[in-house]
Amino acid sequence: LAAVSASLFLASVAAFADYRVLGAAPLAYL
């Protein structure tokens, strides 16, 4: 789950100006 969360977080950072769109919850889990 940590690996999936890291992937989602990095994808959100790459895809959006605001990482929280997809990456806030995964980052919290990490």
mmCIF file of all heavy atoms, coordinates in Angstrom:
data_MODEL
# 
_entry.id   MODEL 
# 
loop_
_atom_site.group_PDB 
_atom_site.id 
_atom_site.type_symbol 
_atom_site.label_atom_id 
_atom_site.label_alt_id 
_atom_site.label_comp_id 
_atom_site.label_asym_id 
_atom_site.label_entity_id 
_atom_site.label_seq_id 
_atom_site.pdbx_PDB_ins_code 
_atom_site.Cartn_x 
_atom_site.Cartn_y 
_atom_site.Cartn_z 
_atom_site.occupancy 
_atom_site.B_iso_or_equiv 
_atom_site.pdbx_formal_charge 
_atom_site.auth_seq_id 
_atom_site.auth_comp_id 
_atom_site.auth_asym_id 
_atom_site.auth_atom_id 
_atom_site.pdbx_PDB_model_num 
ATOM 1   N N   . LEU A 1 1  ? 0.832  -1.206 0.000   1.00 0.00 ? 1  LEU A N   1 
ATOM 2   C CA  . LEU A 1 1  ? 0.000  0.000  0.000   1.00 0.00 ? 1  LEU A CA  1 
ATOM 3   C C   . LEU A 1 1  ? 0.866  1.254  0.000   1.00 0.00 ? 1  LEU A C   1 
ATOM 4   O O   . LEU A 1 1  ? 0.510  2.261  -0.615  1.00 0.00 ? 1  LEU A O   1 
ATOM 5   C CB  . LEU A 1 1  ? -0.921 -0.014 1.219   1.00 0.00 ? 1  LEU A CB  1 
ATOM 6   C CG  . LEU A 1 1  ? -2.019 -1.073 1.229   1.00 0.00 ? 1  LEU A CG  1 
ATOM 7   C CD1 . LEU A 1 1  ? -2.793 -1.027 2.548   1.00 0.00 ? 1  LEU A CD1 1 
ATOM 8   C CD2 . LEU A 1 1  ? -2.968 -0.867 0.052   1.00 0.00 ? 1  LEU A CD2 1 
ATOM 9   N N   . ALA A 1 2  ? 2.010  1.181  0.673   1.00 0.00 ? 2  ALA A N   1 
ATOM 10  C CA  . ALA A 1 2  ? 2.925  2.322  0.669   1.00 0.00 ? 2  ALA A CA  1 
ATOM 11  C C   . ALA A 1 2  ? 3.466  2.572  -0.735  1.00 0.00 ? 2  ALA A C   1 
ATOM 12  O O   . ALA A 1 2  ? 3.589  3.721  -1.180  1.00 0.00 ? 2  ALA A O   1 
ATOM 13  C CB  . ALA A 1 2  ? 4.073  2.078  1.649   1.00 0.00 ? 2  ALA A CB  1 
ATOM 14  N N   . ALA A 1 3  ? 3.765  1.513  -1.467  1.00 0.00 ? 3  ALA A N   1 
ATOM 15  C CA  . ALA A 1 3  ? 4.271  1.658  -2.838  1.00 0.00 ? 3  ALA A CA  1 
ATOM 16  C C   . ALA A 1 3  ? 3.205  2.256  -3.749  1.00 0.00 ? 3  ALA A C   1 
ATOM 17  O O   . ALA A 1 3  ? 3.486  3.138  -4.572  1.00 0.00 ? 3  ALA A O   1 
ATOM 18  C CB  . ALA A 1 3  ? 4.726  0.298  -3.368  1.00 0.00 ? 3  ALA A CB  1 
ATOM 19  N N   . VAL A 1 4  ? 1.956  1.794  -3.601  1.00 0.00 ? 4  VAL A N   1 
ATOM 20  C CA  . VAL A 1 4  ? 0.856  2.352  -4.392  1.00 0.00 ? 4  VAL A CA  1 
ATOM 21  C C   . VAL A 1 4  ? 0.654  3.821  -4.050  1.00 0.00 ? 4  VAL A C   1 
ATOM 22  O O   . VAL A 1 4  ? 0.447  4.665  -4.939  1.00 0.00 ? 4  VAL A O   1 
ATOM 23  C CB  . VAL A 1 4  ? -0.442 1.554  -4.149  1.00 0.00 ? 4  VAL A CB  1 
ATOM 24  C CG1 . VAL A 1 4  ? -1.631 2.247  -4.804  1.00 0.00 ? 4  VAL A CG1 1 
ATOM 25  C CG2 . VAL A 1 4  ? -0.299 0.134  -4.680  1.00 0.00 ? 4  VAL A CG2 1 
ATOM 26  N N   . SER A 1 5  ? 0.719  4.137  -2.763  1.00 0.00 ? 5  SER A N   1 
ATOM 27  C CA  . SER A 1 5  ? 0.553  5.518  -2.325  1.00 0.00 ? 5  SER A CA  1 
ATOM 28  C C   . SER A 1 5  ? 1.645  6.410  -2.904  1.00 0.00 ? 5  SER A C   1 
ATOM 29  O O   . SER A 1 5  ? 1.375  7.530  -3.358  1.00 0.00 ? 5  SER A O   1 
ATOM 30  C CB  . SER A 1 5  ? 0.565  5.593  -0.801  1.00 0.00 ? 5  SER A CB  1 
ATOM 31  O OG  . SER A 1 5  ? -0.526 4.899  -0.241  1.00 0.00 ? 5  SER A OG  1 
ATOM 32  N N   . ALA A 1 6  ? 2.880  5.912  -2.898  1.00 0.00 ? 6  ALA A N   1 
ATOM 33  C CA  . ALA A 1 6  ? 3.982  6.688  -3.466  1.00 0.00 ? 6  ALA A CA  1 
ATOM 34  C C   . ALA A 1 6  ? 3.762  6.945  -4.957  1.00 0.00 ? 6  ALA A C   1 
ATOM 35  O O   . ALA A 1 6  ? 4.013  8.039  -5.464  1.00 0.00 ? 6  ALA A O   1 
ATOM 36  C CB  . ALA A 1 6  ? 5.300  5.954  -3.240  1.00 0.00 ? 6  ALA A CB  1 
ATOM 37  N N   . SER A 1 7  ? 3.262  5.937  -5.666  1.00 0.00 ? 7  SER A N   1 
ATOM 38  C CA  . SER A 1 7  ? 3.000  6.078  -7.107  1.00 0.00 ? 7  SER A CA  1 
ATOM 39  C C   . SER A 1 7  ? 1.913  7.115  -7.364  1.00 0.00 ? 7  SER A C   1 
ATOM 40  O O   . SER A 1 7  ? 2.038  7.967  -8.254  1.00 0.00 ? 7  SER A O   1 
ATOM 41  C CB  . SER A 1 7  ? 2.597  4.727  -7.697  1.00 0.00 ? 7  SER A CB  1 
ATOM 42  O OG  . SER A 1 7  ? 3.633  3.780  -7.541  1.00 0.00 ? 7  SER A OG  1 
ATOM 43  N N   . LEU A 1 8  ? 0.837  7.044  -6.577  1.00 0.00 ? 8  LEU A N   1 
ATOM 44  C CA  . LEU A 1 8  ? -0.251 8.006  -6.736  1.00 0.00 ? 8  LEU A CA  1 
ATOM 45  C C   . LEU A 1 8  ? 0.214  9.416  -6.421  1.00 0.00 ? 8  LEU A C   1 
ATOM 46  O O   . LEU A 1 8  ? -0.150 10.384 -7.101  1.00 0.00 ? 8  LEU A O   1 
ATOM 47  C CB  . LEU A 1 8  ? -1.424 7.622  -5.837  1.00 0.00 ? 8  LEU A CB  1 
ATOM 48  C CG  . LEU A 1 8  ? -2.217 6.381  -6.242  1.00 0.00 ? 8  LEU A CG  1 
ATOM 49  C CD1 . LEU A 1 8  ? -3.242 6.030  -5.174  1.00 0.00 ? 8  LEU A CD1 1 
ATOM 50  C CD2 . LEU A 1 8  ? -2.910 6.620  -7.582  1.00 0.00 ? 8  LEU A CD2 1 
ATOM 51  N N   . PHE A 1 9  ? 1.010  9.555  -5.383  1.00 0.00 ? 9  PHE A N   1 
ATOM 52  C CA  . PHE A 1 9  ? 1.514  10.876 -5.022  1.00 0.00 ? 9  PHE A CA  1 
ATOM 53  C C   . PHE A 1 9  ? 2.386  11.454 -6.136  1.00 0.00 ? 9  PHE A C   1 
ATOM 54  O O   . PHE A 1 9  ? 2.212  12.613 -6.545  1.00 0.00 ? 9  PHE A O   1 
ATOM 55  C CB  . PHE A 1 9  ? 2.307  10.791 -3.716  1.00 0.00 ? 9  PHE A CB  1 
ATOM 56  C CG  . PHE A 1 9  ? 3.044  12.054 -3.382  1.00 0.00 ? 9  PHE A CG  1 
ATOM 57  C CD1 . PHE A 1 9  ? 2.358  13.199 -3.009  1.00 0.00 ? 9  PHE A CD1 1 
ATOM 58  C CD2 . PHE A 1 9  ? 4.432  12.095 -3.451  1.00 0.00 ? 9  PHE A CD2 1 
ATOM 59  C CE1 . PHE A 1 9  ? 3.035  14.371 -2.701  1.00 0.00 ? 9  PHE A CE1 1 
ATOM 60  C CE2 . PHE A 1 9  ? 5.116  13.257 -3.152  1.00 0.00 ? 9  PHE A CE2 1 
ATOM 61  C CZ  . PHE A 1 9  ? 4.416  14.397 -2.773  1.00 0.00 ? 9  PHE A CZ  1 
ATOM 62  N N   . LEU A 1 10 ? 3.320  10.668 -6.651  1.00 0.00 ? 10 LEU A N   1 
ATOM 63  C CA  . LEU A 1 10 ? 4.198  11.146 -7.724  1.00 0.00 ? 10 LEU A CA  1 
ATOM 64  C C   . LEU A 1 10 ? 3.404  11.461 -8.992  1.00 0.00 ? 10 LEU A C   1 
ATOM 65  O O   . LEU A 1 10 ? 3.704  12.433 -9.694  1.00 0.00 ? 10 LEU A O   1 
ATOM 66  C CB  . LEU A 1 10 ? 5.274  10.104 -8.002  1.00 0.00 ? 10 LEU A CB  1 
ATOM 67  C CG  . LEU A 1 10 ? 6.287  9.888  -6.876  1.00 0.00 ? 10 LEU A CG  1 
ATOM 68  C CD1 . LEU A 1 10 ? 7.238  8.744  -7.221  1.00 0.00 ? 10 LEU A CD1 1 
ATOM 69  C CD2 . LEU A 1 10 ? 7.071  11.163 -6.600  1.00 0.00 ? 10 LEU A CD2 1 
ATOM 70  N N   . ALA A 1 11 ? 2.394  10.651 -9.275  1.00 0.00 ? 11 ALA A N   1 
ATOM 71  C CA  . ALA A 1 11 ? 1.551  10.916 -10.448 1.00 0.00 ? 11 ALA A CA  1 
ATOM 72  C C   . ALA A 1 11 ? 0.806  12.225 -10.291 1.00 0.00 ? 11 ALA A C   1 
ATOM 73  O O   . ALA A 1 11 ? 0.664  13.002 -11.253 1.00 0.00 ? 11 ALA A O   1 
ATOM 74  C CB  . ALA A 1 11 ? 0.566  9.760  -10.638 1.00 0.00 ? 11 ALA A CB  1 
ATOM 75  N N   . SER A 1 12 ? 0.324  12.503 -9.073  1.00 0.00 ? 12 SER A N   1 
ATOM 76  C CA  . SER A 1 12 ? -0.395 13.744 -8.840  1.00 0.00 ? 12 SER A CA  1 
ATOM 77  C C   . SER A 1 12 ? 0.530  14.948 -8.966  1.00 0.00 ? 12 SER A C   1 
ATOM 78  O O   . SER A 1 12 ? 0.154  15.988 -9.523  1.00 0.00 ? 12 SER A O   1 
ATOM 79  C CB  . SER A 1 12 ? -1.046 13.715 -7.447  1.00 0.00 ? 12 SER A CB  1 
ATOM 80  O OG  . SER A 1 12 ? -1.888 14.831 -7.261  1.00 0.00 ? 12 SER A OG  1 
ATOM 81  N N   . VAL A 1 13 ? 1.759  14.812 -8.457  1.00 0.00 ? 13 VAL A N   1 
ATOM 82  C CA  . VAL A 1 13 ? 2.740  15.896 -8.575  1.00 0.00 ? 13 VAL A CA  1 
ATOM 83  C C   . VAL A 1 13 ? 3.045  16.183 -10.047 1.00 0.00 ? 13 VAL A C   1 
ATOM 84  O O   . VAL A 1 13 ? 3.176  17.346 -10.463 1.00 0.00 ? 13 VAL A O   1 
ATOM 85  C CB  . VAL A 1 13 ? 4.037  15.531 -7.821  1.00 0.00 ? 13 VAL A CB  1 
ATOM 86  C CG1 . VAL A 1 13 ? 5.147  16.525 -8.142  1.00 0.00 ? 13 VAL A CG1 1 
ATOM 87  C CG2 . VAL A 1 13 ? 3.778  15.493 -6.325  1.00 0.00 ? 13 VAL A CG2 1 
ATOM 88  N N   . ALA A 1 14 ? 3.129  15.132 -10.852 1.00 0.00 ? 14 ALA A N   1 
ATOM 89  C CA  . ALA A 1 14 ? 3.462  15.295 -12.270 1.00 0.00 ? 14 ALA A CA  1 
ATOM 90  C C   . ALA A 1 14 ? 2.292  15.824 -13.081 1.00 0.00 ? 14 ALA A C   1 
ATOM 91  O O   . ALA A 1 14 ? 2.483  16.590 -14.036 1.00 0.00 ? 14 ALA A O   1 
ATOM 92  C CB  . ALA A 1 14 ? 3.929  13.955 -12.845 1.00 0.00 ? 14 ALA A CB  1 
ATOM 93  N N   . ALA A 1 15 ? 1.072  15.464 -12.696 1.00 0.00 ? 15 ALA A N   1 
ATOM 94  C CA  . ALA A 1 15 ? -0.084 15.772 -13.537 1.00 0.00 ? 15 ALA A CA  1 
ATOM 95  C C   . ALA A 1 15 ? -0.783 17.077 -13.182 1.00 0.00 ? 15 ALA A C   1 
ATOM 96  O O   . ALA A 1 15 ? -1.424 17.691 -14.042 1.00 0.00 ? 15 ALA A O   1 
ATOM 97  C CB  . ALA A 1 15 ? -1.095 14.625 -13.465 1.00 0.00 ? 15 ALA A CB  1 
ATOM 98  N N   . PHE A 1 16 ? -0.682 17.520 -11.933 1.00 0.00 ? 16 PHE A N   1 
ATOM 99  C CA  . PHE A 1 16 ? -1.462 18.674 -11.486 1.00 0.00 ? 16 PHE A CA  1 
ATOM 100 C C   . PHE A 1 16 ? -0.568 19.739 -10.866 1.00 0.00 ? 16 PHE A C   1 
ATOM 101 O O   . PHE A 1 16 ? 0.489  19.434 -10.310 1.00 0.00 ? 16 PHE A O   1 
ATOM 102 C CB  . PHE A 1 16 ? -2.511 18.243 -10.452 1.00 0.00 ? 16 PHE A CB  1 
ATOM 103 C CG  . PHE A 1 16 ? -3.416 17.151 -10.927 1.00 0.00 ? 16 PHE A CG  1 
ATOM 104 C CD1 . PHE A 1 16 ? -3.254 15.848 -10.470 1.00 0.00 ? 16 PHE A CD1 1 
ATOM 105 C CD2 . PHE A 1 16 ? -4.428 17.405 -11.838 1.00 0.00 ? 16 PHE A CD2 1 
ATOM 106 C CE1 . PHE A 1 16 ? -4.072 14.830 -10.896 1.00 0.00 ? 16 PHE A CE1 1 
ATOM 107 C CE2 . PHE A 1 16 ? -5.263 16.399 -12.280 1.00 0.00 ? 16 PHE A CE2 1 
ATOM 108 C CZ  . PHE A 1 16 ? -5.087 15.103 -11.814 1.00 0.00 ? 16 PHE A CZ  1 
ATOM 109 N N   . ALA A 1 17 ? -1.013 20.976 -10.962 1.00 0.00 ? 17 ALA A N   1 
ATOM 110 C CA  . ALA A 1 17 ? -0.301 22.065 -10.285 1.00 0.00 ? 17 ALA A CA  1 
ATOM 111 C C   . ALA A 1 17 ? -0.414 21.922 -8.776  1.00 0.00 ? 17 ALA A C   1 
ATOM 112 O O   . ALA A 1 17 ? 0.478  22.321 -8.026  1.00 0.00 ? 17 ALA A O   1 
ATOM 113 C CB  . ALA A 1 17 ? -0.856 23.416 -10.742 1.00 0.00 ? 17 ALA A CB  1 
ATOM 114 N N   . ASP A 1 18 ? -1.532 21.360 -8.340  1.00 0.00 ? 18 ASP A N   1 
ATOM 115 C CA  . ASP A 1 18 ? -1.783 21.143 -6.916  1.00 0.00 ? 18 ASP A CA  1 
ATOM 116 C C   . ASP A 1 18 ? -1.753 19.644 -6.646  1.00 0.00 ? 18 ASP A C   1 
ATOM 117 O O   . ASP A 1 18 ? -2.653 18.907 -7.048  1.00 0.00 ? 18 ASP A O   1 
ATOM 118 C CB  . ASP A 1 18 ? -3.149 21.736 -6.525  1.00 0.00 ? 18 ASP A CB  1 
ATOM 119 C CG  . ASP A 1 18 ? -3.403 21.684 -5.032  1.00 0.00 ? 18 ASP A CG  1 
ATOM 120 O OD1 . ASP A 1 18 ? -2.689 20.945 -4.320  1.00 0.00 ? 18 ASP A OD1 1 
ATOM 121 O OD2 . ASP A 1 18 ? -4.321 22.380 -4.569  1.00 0.00 ? 18 ASP A OD2 1 
ATOM 122 N N   . TYR A 1 19 ? -0.722 19.176 -5.959  1.00 0.00 ? 19 TYR A N   1 
ATOM 123 C CA  . TYR A 1 19 ? -0.556 17.729 -5.732  1.00 0.00 ? 19 TYR A CA  1 
ATOM 124 C C   . TYR A 1 19 ? -1.711 17.134 -4.943  1.00 0.00 ? 19 TYR A C   1 
ATOM 125 O O   . TYR A 1 19 ? -1.982 15.934 -5.014  1.00 0.00 ? 19 TYR A O   1 
ATOM 126 C CB  . TYR A 1 19 ? 0.743  17.459 -4.984  1.00 0.00 ? 19 TYR A CB  1 
ATOM 127 C CG  . TYR A 1 19 ? 0.659  17.693 -3.494  1.00 0.00 ? 19 TYR A CG  1 
ATOM 128 C CD1 . TYR A 1 19 ? 0.315  16.651 -2.625  1.00 0.00 ? 19 TYR A CD1 1 
ATOM 129 C CD2 . TYR A 1 19 ? 0.898  18.948 -2.946  1.00 0.00 ? 19 TYR A CD2 1 
ATOM 130 C CE1 . TYR A 1 19 ? 0.207  16.855 -1.259  1.00 0.00 ? 19 TYR A CE1 1 
ATOM 131 C CE2 . TYR A 1 19 ? 0.797  19.153 -1.583  1.00 0.00 ? 19 TYR A CE2 1 
ATOM 132 C CZ  . TYR A 1 19 ? 0.457  18.109 -0.747  1.00 0.00 ? 19 TYR A CZ  1 
ATOM 133 O OH  . TYR A 1 19 ? 0.345  18.325 0.600   1.00 0.00 ? 19 TYR A OH  1 
ATOM 134 N N   . ARG A 1 20 ? -2.443 17.978 -4.171  1.00 0.00 ? 20 ARG A N   1 
ATOM 135 C CA  . ARG A 1 20 ? -3.497 17.460 -3.308  1.00 0.00 ? 20 ARG A CA  1 
ATOM 136 C C   . ARG A 1 20 ? -4.673 16.877 -4.084  1.00 0.00 ? 20 ARG A C   1 
ATOM 137 O O   . ARG A 1 20 ? -5.474 16.130 -3.521  1.00 0.00 ? 20 ARG A O   1 
ATOM 138 C CB  . ARG A 1 20 ? -4.008 18.571 -2.386  1.00 0.00 ? 20 ARG A CB  1 
ATOM 139 C CG  . ARG A 1 20 ? -2.994 19.014 -1.336  1.00 0.00 ? 20 ARG A CG  1 
ATOM 140 C CD  . ARG A 1 20 ? -3.468 20.282 -0.634  1.00 0.00 ? 20 ARG A CD  1 
ATOM 141 N NE  . ARG A 1 20 ? -3.591 21.383 -1.545  1.00 0.00 ? 20 ARG A NE  1 
ATOM 142 C CZ  . ARG A 1 20 ? -4.652 22.182 -1.615  1.00 0.00 ? 20 ARG A CZ  1 
ATOM 143 N NH1 . ARG A 1 20 ? -5.682 21.994 -0.820  1.00 0.00 ? 20 ARG A NH1 1 
ATOM 144 N NH2 . ARG A 1 20 ? -4.687 23.172 -2.486  1.00 0.00 ? 20 ARG A NH2 1 
ATOM 145 N N   . VAL A 1 21 ? -4.799 17.220 -5.361  1.00 0.00 ? 21 VAL A N   1 
ATOM 146 C CA  . VAL A 1 21 ? -5.922 16.718 -6.151  1.00 0.00 ? 21 VAL A CA  1 
ATOM 147 C C   . VAL A 1 21 ? -6.005 15.199 -6.066  1.00 0.00 ? 21 VAL A C   1 
ATOM 148 O O   . VAL A 1 21 ? -7.078 14.621 -5.877  1.00 0.00 ? 21 VAL A O   1 
ATOM 149 C CB  . VAL A 1 21 ? -5.781 17.166 -7.623  1.00 0.00 ? 21 VAL A CB  1 
ATOM 150 C CG1 . VAL A 1 21 ? -6.823 16.485 -8.493  1.00 0.00 ? 21 VAL A CG1 1 
ATOM 151 C CG2 . VAL A 1 21 ? -5.927 18.683 -7.718  1.00 0.00 ? 21 VAL A CG2 1 
ATOM 152 N N   . LEU A 1 22 ? -4.887 14.545 -6.199  1.00 0.00 ? 22 LEU A N   1 
ATOM 153 C CA  . LEU A 1 22 ? -4.841 13.086 -6.129  1.00 0.00 ? 22 LEU A CA  1 
ATOM 154 C C   . LEU A 1 22 ? -3.903 12.586 -5.031  1.00 0.00 ? 22 LEU A C   1 
ATOM 155 O O   . LEU A 1 22 ? -4.059 11.477 -4.533  1.00 0.00 ? 22 LEU A O   1 
ATOM 156 C CB  . LEU A 1 22 ? -4.377 12.519 -7.482  1.00 0.00 ? 22 LEU A CB  1 
ATOM 157 C CG  . LEU A 1 22 ? -4.297 11.000 -7.633  1.00 0.00 ? 22 LEU A CG  1 
ATOM 158 C CD1 . LEU A 1 22 ? -5.684 10.375 -7.486  1.00 0.00 ? 22 LEU A CD1 1 
ATOM 159 C CD2 . LEU A 1 22 ? -3.695 10.630 -8.983  1.00 0.00 ? 22 LEU A CD2 1 
ATOM 160 N N   . GLY A 1 23 ? -2.947 13.432 -4.618  1.00 0.00 ? 23 GLY A N   1 
ATOM 161 C CA  . GLY A 1 23 ? -1.855 12.946 -3.798  1.00 0.00 ? 23 GLY A CA  1 
ATOM 162 C C   . GLY A 1 23 ? -1.914 13.226 -2.309  1.00 0.00 ? 23 GLY A C   1 
ATOM 163 O O   . GLY A 1 23 ? -1.059 12.730 -1.571  1.00 0.00 ? 23 GLY A O   1 
ATOM 164 N N   . ALA A 1 24 ? -2.910 13.976 -1.825  1.00 0.00 ? 24 ALA A N   1 
ATOM 165 C CA  . ALA A 1 24 ? -2.912 14.337 -0.406  1.00 0.00 ? 24 ALA A CA  1 
ATOM 166 C C   . ALA A 1 24 ? -3.073 13.114 0.495   1.00 0.00 ? 24 ALA A C   1 
ATOM 167 O O   . ALA A 1 24 ? -2.291 12.892 1.420   1.00 0.00 ? 24 ALA A O   1 
ATOM 168 C CB  . ALA A 1 24 ? -4.015 15.355 -0.121  1.00 0.00 ? 24 ALA A CB  1 
ATOM 169 N N   . ALA A 1 25 ? -4.099 12.309 0.223   1.00 0.00 ? 25 ALA A N   1 
ATOM 170 C CA  . ALA A 1 25 ? -4.337 11.123 1.050   1.00 0.00 ? 25 ALA A CA  1 
ATOM 171 C C   . ALA A 1 25 ? -3.197 10.107 0.921   1.00 0.00 ? 25 ALA A C   1 
ATOM 172 O O   . ALA A 1 25 ? -2.741 9.559  1.937   1.00 0.00 ? 25 ALA A O   1 
ATOM 173 C CB  . ALA A 1 25 ? -5.681 10.489 0.688   1.00 0.00 ? 25 ALA A CB  1 
ATOM 174 N N   . PRO A 1 26 ? -2.686 9.810  -0.297  1.00 0.00 ? 26 PRO A N   1 
ATOM 175 C CA  . PRO A 1 26 ? -1.533 8.905  -0.392  1.00 0.00 ? 26 PRO A CA  1 
ATOM 176 C C   . PRO A 1 26 ? -0.309 9.405  0.371   1.00 0.00 ? 26 PRO A C   1 
ATOM 177 O O   . PRO A 1 26 ? 0.394  8.616  1.000   1.00 0.00 ? 26 PRO A O   1 
ATOM 178 C CB  . PRO A 1 26 ? -1.257 8.843  -1.901  1.00 0.00 ? 26 PRO A CB  1 
ATOM 179 C CG  . PRO A 1 26 ? -2.578 9.112  -2.531  1.00 0.00 ? 26 PRO A CG  1 
ATOM 180 C CD  . PRO A 1 26 ? -3.230 10.122 -1.640  1.00 0.00 ? 26 PRO A CD  1 
ATOM 181 N N   . LEU A 1 27 ? -0.057 10.726 0.327   1.00 0.00 ? 27 LEU A N   1 
ATOM 182 C CA  . LEU A 1 27 ? 1.078  11.266 1.060   1.00 0.00 ? 27 LEU A CA  1 
ATOM 183 C C   . LEU A 1 27 ? 0.872  11.092 2.566   1.00 0.00 ? 27 LEU A C   1 
ATOM 184 O O   . LEU A 1 27 ? 1.811  10.734 3.295   1.00 0.00 ? 27 LEU A O   1 
ATOM 185 C CB  . LEU A 1 27 ? 1.280  12.744 0.728   1.00 0.00 ? 27 LEU A CB  1 
ATOM 186 C CG  . LEU A 1 27 ? 2.420  13.440 1.480   1.00 0.00 ? 27 LEU A CG  1 
ATOM 187 C CD1 . LEU A 1 27 ? 3.754  12.765 1.193   1.00 0.00 ? 27 LEU A CD1 1 
ATOM 188 C CD2 . LEU A 1 27 ? 2.475  14.924 1.108   1.00 0.00 ? 27 LEU A CD2 1 
ATOM 189 N N   . ALA A 1 28 ? -0.351 11.333 3.039   1.00 0.00 ? 28 ALA A N   1 
ATOM 190 C CA  . ALA A 1 28 ? -0.644 11.134 4.457   1.00 0.00 ? 28 ALA A CA  1 
ATOM 191 C C   . ALA A 1 28 ? -0.402 9.682  4.858   1.00 0.00 ? 28 ALA A C   1 
ATOM 192 O O   . ALA A 1 28 ? 0.174  9.405  5.922   1.00 0.00 ? 28 ALA A O   1 
ATOM 193 C CB  . ALA A 1 28 ? -2.082 11.548 4.761   1.00 0.00 ? 28 ALA A CB  1 
ATOM 194 N N   . TYR A 1 29 ? -0.834 8.752  4.012   1.00 0.00 ? 29 TYR A N   1 
ATOM 195 C CA  . TYR A 1 29 ? -0.610 7.331  4.317   1.00 0.00 ? 29 TYR A CA  1 
ATOM 196 C C   . TYR A 1 29 ? 0.887  7.020  4.377   1.00 0.00 ? 29 TYR A C   1 
ATOM 197 O O   . TYR A 1 29 ? 1.347  6.301  5.280   1.00 0.00 ? 29 TYR A O   1 
ATOM 198 C CB  . TYR A 1 29 ? -1.280 6.440  3.279   1.00 0.00 ? 29 TYR A CB  1 
ATOM 199 C CG  . TYR A 1 29 ? -1.074 4.966  3.551   1.00 0.00 ? 29 TYR A CG  1 
ATOM 200 C CD1 . TYR A 1 29 ? -1.927 4.274  4.406   1.00 0.00 ? 29 TYR A CD1 1 
ATOM 201 C CD2 . TYR A 1 29 ? -0.003 4.274  2.984   1.00 0.00 ? 29 TYR A CD2 1 
ATOM 202 C CE1 . TYR A 1 29 ? -1.718 2.931  4.697   1.00 0.00 ? 29 TYR A CE1 1 
ATOM 203 C CE2 . TYR A 1 29 ? 0.215  2.933  3.261   1.00 0.00 ? 29 TYR A CE2 1 
ATOM 204 C CZ  . TYR A 1 29 ? -0.650 2.263  4.114   1.00 0.00 ? 29 TYR A CZ  1 
ATOM 205 O OH  . TYR A 1 29 ? -0.430 0.945  4.398   1.00 0.00 ? 29 TYR A OH  1 
ATOM 206 N N   . LEU A 1 30 ? 1.650  7.563  3.422   1.00 0.00 ? 30 LEU A N   1 
ATOM 207 C CA  . LEU A 1 30 ? 3.091  7.325  3.409   1.00 0.00 ? 30 LEU A CA  1 
ATOM 208 C C   . LEU A 1 30 ? 3.751  7.803  4.699   1.00 0.00 ? 30 LEU A C   1 
ATOM 209 O O   . LEU A 1 30 ? 4.608  7.125  5.264   1.00 0.00 ? 30 LEU A O   1 
ATOM 210 C CB  . LEU A 1 30 ? 3.727  8.041  2.215   1.00 0.00 ? 30 LEU A CB  1 
ATOM 211 C CG  . LEU A 1 30 ? 3.702  7.323  0.873   1.00 0.00 ? 30 LEU A CG  1 
ATOM 212 C CD1 . LEU A 1 30 ? 4.265  8.234  -0.214  1.00 0.00 ? 30 LEU A CD1 1 
ATOM 213 C CD2 . LEU A 1 30 ? 4.501  6.025  0.936   1.00 0.00 ? 30 LEU A CD2 1 
# 
